[in-house]
PDB file of N, CA and C in Angstrom:
ATOM      1  N   MET A   1       7.939  -2.320   4.535  1.00  0.00           N
ATOM      2  CA  MET A   1       7.117  -2.924   3.538  1.00  0.00           C
ATOM      3  C   MET A   1       6.092  -1.898   3.061  1.00  0.00           C
ATOM      4  N   ARG A   2       5.946  -1.787   1.777  1.00  0.00           N
ATOM      5  CA  ARG A   2       5.000  -0.834   1.205  1.00  0.00           C
ATOM      6  C   ARG A   2       3.625  -1.483   1.104  1.00  0.00           C
ATOM      7  N   CYS A   3       2.607  -0.779   1.574  1.00  0.00           N
ATOM      8  CA  CYS A   3       1.238  -1.271   1.463  1.00  0.00           C
ATOM      9  C   CYS A   3       0.308  -0.087   1.243  1.00  0.00           C
ATOM     10  N   VAL A   4      -0.893  -0.384   0.790  1.00  0.00           N
ATOM     11  CA  VAL A   4      -1.888   0.653   0.551  1.00  0.00           C
ATOM     12  C   VAL A   4      -3.060   0.414   1.493  1.00  0.00           C
ATOM     13  N   ILE A   5      -3.377   1.445   2.256  1.00  0.00           N
ATOM     14  CA  ILE A   5      -4.518   1.402   3.162  1.00  0.00           C
ATOM     15  C   ILE A   5      -5.350   2.641   2.883  1.00  0.00           C
ATOM     16  N   ALA A   6      -6.617   2.442   2.567  1.00  0.00           N
ATOM     17  CA  ALA A   6      -7.533   3.540   2.234  1.00  0.00           C
ATOM     18  C   ALA A   6      -6.979   4.394   1.096  1.00  0.00           C
ATOM     19  N   ARG A   7      -6.439   3.719   0.094  1.00  0.00           N
ATOM     20  CA  ARG A   7      -5.916   4.352  -1.117  1.00  0.00           C
ATOM     21  C   ARG A   7      -4.667   5.202  -0.887  1.00  0.00           C
ATOM     22  N   PHE A   8      -4.051   5.117   0.297  1.00  0.00           N
ATOM     23  CA  PHE A   8      -2.826   5.859   0.579  1.00  0.00           C
ATOM     24  C   PHE A   8      -1.677   4.867   0.782  1.00  0.00           C
ATOM     25  N   PRO A   9      -0.523   5.127   0.186  1.00  0.00           N
ATOM     26  CA  PRO A   9       0.621   4.224   0.368  1.00  0.00           C
ATOM     27  C   PRO A   9       1.321   4.480   1.709  1.00  0.00           C
ATOM     28  N   PHE A  10       1.740   3.410   2.335  1.00  0.00           N
ATOM     29  CA  PHE A  10       2.478   3.486   3.597  1.00  0.00           C
ATOM     30  C   PHE A  10       3.677   2.553   3.519  1.00  0.00           C
ATOM     31  N   ASP A  11       4.795   2.983   4.069  1.00  0.00           N
ATOM     32  CA  ASP A  11       5.966   2.132   4.233  1.00  0.00           C
ATOM     33  C   ASP A  11       6.008   1.721   5.697  1.00  0.00           C
ATOM     34  N   LEU A  12       5.595   0.498   5.976  1.00  0.00           N
ATOM     35  CA  LEU A  12       5.504   0.021   7.348  1.00  0.00           C
ATOM     36  C   LEU A  12       6.648  -0.931   7.670  1.00  0.00           C
ATOM     37  N   VAL A  13       7.127  -0.833   8.902  1.00  0.00           N
ATOM     38  CA  VAL A  13       8.174  -1.712   9.416  1.00  0.00           C
ATOM     39  C   VAL A  13       7.655  -2.293  10.725  1.00  0.00           C
ATOM     40  N   LYS A  14       7.834  -3.590  10.915  1.00  0.00           N
ATOM     41  CA  LYS A  14       7.291  -4.266  12.088  1.00  0.00           C
ATOM     42  C   LYS A  14       7.713  -3.582  13.387  1.00  0.00           C
ATOM     43  N   SER A  15       8.978  -3.253  13.510  1.00  0.00           N
ATOM     44  CA  SER A  15       9.458  -2.639  14.759  1.00  0.00           C
ATOM     45  C   SER A  15       8.820  -1.265  14.990  1.00  0.00           C
ATOM     46  N   GLU A  16       8.538  -0.541  13.917  1.00  0.00           N
ATOM     47  CA  GLU A  16       7.898   0.773  14.062  1.00  0.00           C
ATOM     48  C   GLU A  16       6.436   0.635  14.472  1.00  0.00           C
ATOM     49  N   VAL A  17       5.760  -0.394  13.975  1.00  0.00           N
ATOM     50  CA  VAL A  17       4.382  -0.653  14.402  1.00  0.00           C
ATOM     51  C   VAL A  17       4.377  -0.997  15.888  1.00  0.00           C
ATOM     52  N   GLU A  18       5.298  -1.870  16.300  1.00  0.00           N
ATOM     53  CA  GLU A  18       5.389  -2.243  17.716  1.00  0.00           C
ATOM     54  C   GLU A  18       5.660  -1.016  18.578  1.00  0.00           C
ATOM     55  N   GLN A  19       6.550  -0.158  18.132  1.00  0.00           N
ATOM     56  CA  GLN A  19       6.876   1.055  18.876  1.00  0.00           C
ATOM     57  C   GLN A  19       5.674   1.997  18.945  1.00  0.00           C
ATOM     58  N   SER A  20       4.946   2.124  17.846  1.00  0.00           N
ATOM     59  CA  SER A  20       3.761   2.999  17.816  1.00  0.00           C
ATOM     60  C   SER A  20       2.697   2.534  18.793  1.00  0.00           C
ATOM     61  N   MET A  21       2.601   1.231  19.005  1.00  0.00           N
ATOM     62  CA  MET A  21       1.550   0.687  19.876  1.00  0.00           C
ATOM     63  C   MET A  21       1.971   0.605  21.339  1.00  0.00           C
ATOM     64  N   GLN A  22       3.243   0.881  21.640  1.00  0.00           N
ATOM     65  CA  GLN A  22       3.688   0.869  23.033  1.00  0.00           C
ATOM     66  C   GLN A  22       2.942   1.948  23.800  1.00  0.00           C
ATOM     67  N   GLY A  23       2.430   1.587  24.950  1.00  0.00           N
ATOM     68  CA  GLY A  23       1.729   2.547  25.785  1.00  0.00           C
ATOM     69  C   GLY A  23       0.289   2.796  25.370  1.00  0.00           C
ATOM     70  N   VAL A  24      -0.166   2.153  24.281  1.00  0.00           N
ATOM     71  CA  VAL A  24      -1.550   2.300  23.842  1.00  0.00           C
ATOM     72  C   VAL A  24      -2.373   1.196  24.503  1.00  0.00           C
ATOM     73  N   GLN A  25      -3.375   1.598  25.255  1.00  0.00           N
ATOM     74  CA  GLN A  25      -4.237   0.638  25.942  1.00  0.00           C
ATOM     75  C   GLN A  25      -5.146  -0.056  24.925  1.00  0.00           C
ATOM     76  N   PRO A  26      -5.142  -1.392  24.873  1.00  0.00           N
ATOM     77  CA  PRO A  26      -6.013  -2.083  23.926  1.00  0.00           C
ATOM     78  C   PRO A  26      -7.484  -1.862  24.263  1.00  0.00           C
ATOM     79  N   GLU A  27      -8.273  -1.612  23.240  1.00  0.00           N
ATOM     80  CA  GLU A  27      -9.717  -1.508  23.409  1.00  0.00           C
ATOM     81  C   GLU A  27     -10.294  -2.915  23.442  1.00  0.00           C
ATOM     82  N   PRO A  28     -11.499  -3.073  23.977  1.00  0.00           N
ATOM     83  CA  PRO A  28     -12.123  -4.401  23.914  1.00  0.00           C
ATOM     84  C   PRO A  28     -12.283  -4.827  22.454  1.00  0.00           C
ATOM     85  N   VAL A  29     -12.007  -6.086  22.186  1.00  0.00           N
ATOM     86  CA  VAL A  29     -12.119  -6.596  20.822  1.00  0.00           C
ATOM     87  C   VAL A  29     -13.589  -6.871  20.538  1.00  0.00           C
ATOM     88  N   SER A  30     -14.153  -6.051  19.664  1.00  0.00           N
ATOM     89  CA  SER A  30     -15.566  -6.227  19.323  1.00  0.00           C
ATOM     90  C   SER A  30     -15.757  -6.459  17.834  1.00  0.00           C
ATOM     91  N   GLY A  31     -14.704  -6.279  17.072  1.00  0.00           N
ATOM     92  CA  GLY A  31     -14.790  -6.455  15.623  1.00  0.00           C
ATOM     93  C   GLY A  31     -14.540  -7.888  15.214  1.00  0.00           C
ATOM     94  N   VAL A  32     -14.320  -8.071  13.944  1.00  0.00           N
ATOM     95  CA  VAL A  32     -14.142  -9.398  13.381  1.00  0.00           C
ATOM     96  C   VAL A  32     -12.727  -9.917  13.584  1.00  0.00           C
ATOM     97  N   VAL A  33     -11.732  -9.015  13.549  1.00  0.00           N
ATOM     98  CA  VAL A  33     -10.337  -9.452  13.575  1.00  0.00           C
ATOM     99  C   VAL A  33      -9.558  -8.673  14.631  1.00  0.00           C
ATOM    100  N   SER A  34      -8.653  -9.382  15.311  1.00  0.00           N
ATOM    101  CA  SER A  34      -7.739  -8.737  16.251  1.00  0.00           C
ATOM    102  C   SER A  34      -6.320  -9.160  15.891  1.00  0.00           C
ATOM    103  N   VAL A  35      -5.355  -8.468  16.494  1.00  0.00           N
ATOM    104  CA  VAL A  35      -3.950  -8.749  16.209  1.00  0.00           C
ATOM    105  C   VAL A  35      -3.167  -8.750  17.515  1.00  0.00           C
ATOM    106  N   THR A  36      -2.213  -9.657  17.623  1.00  0.00           N
ATOM    107  CA  THR A  36      -1.333  -9.697  18.788  1.00  0.00           C
ATOM    108  C   THR A  36      -0.074  -8.906  18.470  1.00  0.00           C
ATOM    109  N   ILE A  37       0.187  -7.903  19.307  1.00  0.00           N
ATOM    110  CA  ILE A  37       1.414  -7.109  19.193  1.00  0.00           C
ATOM    111  C   ILE A  37       2.056  -7.126  20.566  1.00  0.00           C
ATOM    112  N   GLY A  38       3.211  -7.737  20.645  1.00  0.00           N
ATOM    113  CA  GLY A  38       3.844  -7.941  21.945  1.00  0.00           C
ATOM    114  C   GLY A  38       3.002  -8.927  22.740  1.00  0.00           C
ATOM    115  N   ASP A  39       2.618  -8.534  23.947  1.00  0.00           N
ATOM    116  CA  ASP A  39       1.785  -9.412  24.768  1.00  0.00           C
ATOM    117  C   ASP A  39       0.345  -8.900  24.865  1.00  0.00           C
ATOM    118  N   ARG A  40      -0.040  -8.006  23.945  1.00  0.00           N
ATOM    119  CA  ARG A  40      -1.389  -7.433  23.965  1.00  0.00           C
ATOM    120  C   ARG A  40      -2.143  -7.778  22.690  1.00  0.00           C
ATOM    121  N   VAL A  41      -3.458  -7.843  22.819  1.00  0.00           N
ATOM    122  CA  VAL A  41      -4.325  -8.115  21.672  1.00  0.00           C
ATOM    123  C   VAL A  41      -5.150  -6.865  21.399  1.00  0.00           C
ATOM    124  N   TYR A  42      -5.037  -6.352  20.185  1.00  0.00           N
ATOM    125  CA  TYR A  42      -5.720  -5.127  19.774  1.00  0.00           C
ATOM    126  C   TYR A  42      -6.707  -5.413  18.644  1.00  0.00           C
ATOM    127  N   PRO A  43      -7.804  -4.667  18.585  1.00  0.00           N
ATOM    128  CA  PRO A  43      -8.622  -4.722  17.376  1.00  0.00           C
ATOM    129  C   PRO A  43      -7.809  -4.154  16.201  1.00  0.00           C
ATOM    130  N   VAL A  44      -7.881  -4.754  15.023  1.00  0.00           N
ATOM    131  CA  VAL A  44      -7.064  -4.273  13.913  1.00  0.00           C
ATOM    132  C   VAL A  44      -7.419  -2.839  13.527  1.00  0.00           C
ATOM    133  N   LYS A  45      -8.664  -2.449  13.711  1.00  0.00           N
ATOM    134  CA  LYS A  45      -9.050  -1.073  13.377  1.00  0.00           C
ATOM    135  C   LYS A  45      -8.336  -0.073  14.296  1.00  0.00           C
ATOM    136  N   GLN A  46      -8.143  -0.422  15.570  1.00  0.00           N
ATOM    137  CA  GLN A  46      -7.418   0.456  16.482  1.00  0.00           C
ATOM    138  C   GLN A  46      -5.967   0.608  16.022  1.00  0.00           C
ATOM    139  N   VAL A  47      -5.336  -0.497  15.654  1.00  0.00           N
ATOM    140  CA  VAL A  47      -3.956  -0.449  15.179  1.00  0.00           C
ATOM    141  C   VAL A  47      -3.874   0.364  13.895  1.00  0.00           C
ATOM    142  N   GLY A  48      -4.807   0.137  12.997  1.00  0.00           N
ATOM    143  CA  GLY A  48      -4.829   0.889  11.747  1.00  0.00           C
ATOM    144  C   GLY A  48      -4.924   2.387  11.966  1.00  0.00           C
ATOM    145  N   GLU A  49      -5.753   2.780  12.908  1.00  0.00           N
ATOM    146  CA  GLU A  49      -5.907   4.202  13.208  1.00  0.00           C
ATOM    147  C   GLU A  49      -4.608   4.803  13.740  1.00  0.00           C
ATOM    148  N   VAL A  50      -3.918   4.065  14.596  1.00  0.00           N
ATOM    149  CA  VAL A  50      -2.662   4.558  15.176  1.00  0.00           C
ATOM    150  C   VAL A  50      -1.562   4.651  14.122  1.00  0.00           C
ATOM    151  N   ILE A  51      -1.410   3.613  13.301  1.00  0.00           N
ATOM    152  CA  ILE A  51      -0.273   3.600  12.376  1.00  0.00           C
ATOM    153  C   ILE A  51      -0.497   4.457  11.137  1.00  0.00           C
ATOM    154  N   THR A  52      -1.767   4.698  10.772  1.00  0.00           N
ATOM    155  CA  THR A  52      -2.020   5.514   9.575  1.00  0.00           C
ATOM    156  C   THR A  52      -2.431   6.939   9.906  1.00  0.00           C
ATOM    157  N   ARG A  53      -2.853   7.167  11.150  1.00  0.00           N
ATOM    158  CA  ARG A  53      -3.383   8.468  11.585  1.00  0.00           C
ATOM    159  C   ARG A  53      -4.625   8.861  10.780  1.00  0.00           C
ATOM    160  N   GLN A  54      -5.358   7.852  10.332  1.00  0.00           N
ATOM    161  CA  GLN A  54      -6.603   8.083   9.606  1.00  0.00           C
ATOM    162  C   GLN A  54      -7.778   7.658  10.470  1.00  0.00           C
ATOM    163  N   ASP A  55      -8.935   8.197  10.168  1.00  0.00           N
ATOM    164  CA  ASP A  55     -10.158   7.796  10.850  1.00  0.00           C
ATOM    165  C   ASP A  55     -10.474   6.342  10.497  1.00  0.00           C
ATOM    166  N   ARG A  56     -10.974   5.592  11.451  1.00  0.00           N
ATOM    167  CA  ARG A  56     -11.272   4.175  11.230  1.00  0.00           C
ATOM    168  C   ARG A  56     -12.291   3.940  10.123  1.00  0.00           C
ATOM    169  N   ARG A  57     -13.133   4.906   9.900  1.00  0.00           N
ATOM    170  CA  ARG A  57     -14.152   4.754   8.857  1.00  0.00           C
ATOM    171  C   ARG A  57     -13.553   4.827   7.458  1.00  0.00           C
ATOM    172  N   ASP A  58     -12.297   5.262   7.352  1.00  0.00           N
ATOM    173  CA  ASP A  58     -11.658   5.446   6.045  1.00  0.00           C
ATOM    174  C   ASP A  58     -11.004   4.182   5.488  1.00  0.00           C
ATOM    175  N   PHE A  59     -10.879   3.133   6.296  1.00  0.00           N
ATOM    176  CA  PHE A  59     -10.237   1.903   5.826  1.00  0.00           C
ATOM    177  C   PHE A  59     -10.978   0.696   6.373  1.00  0.00           C
ATOM    178  N   THR A  60     -10.712  -0.450   5.769  1.00  0.00           N
ATOM    179  CA  THR A  60     -11.356  -1.679   6.230  1.00  0.00           C
ATOM    180  C   THR A  60     -10.404  -2.463   7.136  1.00  0.00           C
ATOM    181  N   ALA A  61     -10.990  -3.308   7.956  1.00  0.00           N
ATOM    182  CA  ALA A  61     -10.178  -4.190   8.799  1.00  0.00           C
ATOM    183  C   ALA A  61      -9.343  -5.120   7.934  1.00  0.00           C
ATOM    184  N   ALA A  62      -9.893  -5.535   6.799  1.00  0.00           N
ATOM    185  CA  ALA A  62      -9.173  -6.450   5.912  1.00  0.00           C
ATOM    186  C   ALA A  62      -7.896  -5.819   5.360  1.00  0.00           C
ATOM    187  N   GLU A  63      -7.939  -4.515   5.039  1.00  0.00           N
ATOM    188  CA  GLU A  63      -6.740  -3.832   4.532  1.00  0.00           C
ATOM    189  C   GLU A  63      -5.628  -3.852   5.575  1.00  0.00           C
ATOM    190  N   VAL A  64      -5.999  -3.541   6.814  1.00  0.00           N
ATOM    191  CA  VAL A  64      -5.009  -3.493   7.894  1.00  0.00           C
ATOM    192  C   VAL A  64      -4.523  -4.903   8.223  1.00  0.00           C
ATOM    193  N   GLU A  65      -5.444  -5.849   8.270  1.00  0.00           N
ATOM    194  CA  GLU A  65      -5.068  -7.238   8.560  1.00  0.00           C
ATOM    195  C   GLU A  65      -4.055  -7.742   7.531  1.00  0.00           C
ATOM    196  N   LYS A  66      -4.289  -7.490   6.277  1.00  0.00           N
ATOM    197  CA  LYS A  66      -3.383  -7.935   5.214  1.00  0.00           C
ATOM    198  C   LYS A  66      -1.982  -7.358   5.425  1.00  0.00           C
ATOM    199  N   ALA A  67      -1.910  -6.062   5.737  1.00  0.00           N
ATOM    200  CA  ALA A  67      -0.612  -5.419   5.964  1.00  0.00           C
ATOM    201  C   ALA A  67       0.082  -6.005   7.193  1.00  0.00           C
ATOM    202  N   LEU A  68      -0.668  -6.205   8.277  1.00  0.00           N
ATOM    203  CA  LEU A  68      -0.067  -6.721   9.509  1.00  0.00           C
ATOM    204  C   LEU A  68       0.423  -8.154   9.345  1.00  0.00           C
ATOM    205  N   VAL A  69      -0.328  -8.970   8.634  1.00  0.00           N
ATOM    206  CA  VAL A  69       0.105 -10.349   8.377  1.00  0.00           C
ATOM    207  C   VAL A  69       1.380 -10.351   7.535  1.00  0.00           C
ATOM    208  N   ARG A  70       1.444  -9.486   6.536  1.00  0.00           N
ATOM    209  CA  ARG A  70       2.653  -9.399   5.705  1.00  0.00           C
ATOM    210  C   ARG A  70       3.864  -8.956   6.522  1.00  0.00           C
ATOM    211  N   LEU A  71       3.632  -8.181   7.582  1.00  0.00           N
ATOM    212  CA  LEU A  71       4.730  -7.756   8.455  1.00  0.00           C
ATOM    213  C   LEU A  71       5.144  -8.843   9.438  1.00  0.00           C
ATOM    214  N   GLY A  72       4.310  -9.892   9.567  1.00  0.00           N
ATOM    215  CA  GLY A  72       4.657 -10.999  10.463  1.00  0.00           C
ATOM    216  C   GLY A  72       3.882 -11.035  11.762  1.00  0.00           C
ATOM    217  N   PHE A  73       2.852 -10.209  11.903  1.00  0.00           N
ATOM    218  CA  PHE A  73       2.018 -10.237  13.103  1.00  0.00           C
ATOM    219  C   PHE A  73       0.982 -11.355  12.988  1.00  0.00           C
ATOM    220  N   THR A  74       0.499 -11.820  14.126  1.00  0.00           N
ATOM    221  CA  THR A  74      -0.521 -12.860  14.160  1.00  0.00           C
ATOM    222  C   THR A  74      -1.884 -12.222  14.340  1.00  0.00           C
ATOM    223  N   CYS A  75      -2.756 -12.453  13.381  1.00  0.00           N
ATOM    224  CA  CYS A  75      -4.126 -11.941  13.458  1.00  0.00           C
ATOM    225  C   CYS A  75      -5.057 -13.098  13.825  1.00  0.00           C
ATOM    226  N   HIS A  76      -6.153 -12.743  14.512  1.00  0.00           N
ATOM    227  CA  HIS A  76      -7.117 -13.740  14.996  1.00  0.00           C
ATOM    228  C   HIS A  76      -8.508 -13.352  14.521  1.00  0.00           C
ATOM    229  N   SER A  77      -9.270 -14.326  14.089  1.00  0.00           N
ATOM    230  CA  SER A  77     -10.657 -14.049  13.698  1.00  0.00           C
ATOM    231  C   SER A  77     -11.540 -14.119  14.937  1.00  0.00           C
ATOM    232  N   ALA A  78     -12.744 -13.589  14.814  1.00  0.00           N
ATOM    233  CA  ALA A  78     -13.683 -13.586  15.932  1.00  0.00           C
ATOM    234  C   ALA A  78     -13.993 -15.007  16.392  1.00  0.00           C
ATOM    235  N   ALA A  79     -14.018 -15.943  15.470  1.00  0.00           N
ATOM    236  CA  ALA A  79     -14.299 -17.345  15.832  1.00  0.00           C
ATOM    237  C   ALA A  79     -13.257 -17.886  16.800  1.00  0.00           C
ATOM    238  N   VAL A  80     -11.996 -17.486  16.608  1.00  0.00           N
ATOM    239  CA  VAL A  80     -10.920 -17.915  17.498  1.00  0.00           C
ATOM    240  C   VAL A  80     -11.064 -17.233  18.844  1.00  0.00           C
ATOM    241  N   GLN A  81     -11.426 -15.950  18.852  1.00  0.00           N
ATOM    242  CA  GLN A  81     -11.531 -15.186  20.086  1.00  0.00           C
ATOM    243  C   GLN A  81     -12.653 -15.701  20.976  1.00  0.00           C
ATOM    244  N   LEU A  82     -13.761 -16.109  20.362  1.00  0.00           N
ATOM    245  CA  LEU A  82     -14.932 -16.493  21.129  1.00  0.00           C
ATOM    246  C   LEU A  82     -14.899 -17.949  21.569  1.00  0.00           C
ATOM    247  N   GLY A  83     -13.982 -18.701  21.063  1.00  0.00           N
ATOM    248  CA  GLY A  83     -13.884 -20.067  21.526  1.00  0.00           C
ATOM    249  C   GLY A  83     -14.041 -20.998  20.420  1.00  0.00           C
TER     250      GLY A  83
END
C-alpha cells in the first residue's frame, strides 16, 4: 500500500511491517497512540521510525497511525490504554 509519511512516499506491506518489528523490544507506551503487532504493543512513533528509517521528529503519530490502520493493524488511543 502506498502512503506518505513526512512528505516521503512509502510502499508498505503488512507482512513486511510485521517482519521489520520482529525482535524489536517495545518501548513503554507514553504517547497518544499505540499499535498491536503480533502479540506486542508498540508506540506508533517507534514503529514509524523502524519502517521509515526516519527520525521520529520528522513525522507525526497520526501519519503513521493512518498508514497502519489502512494496512489492517489495530491502533489504540491513550484513553484505551489507561483504562
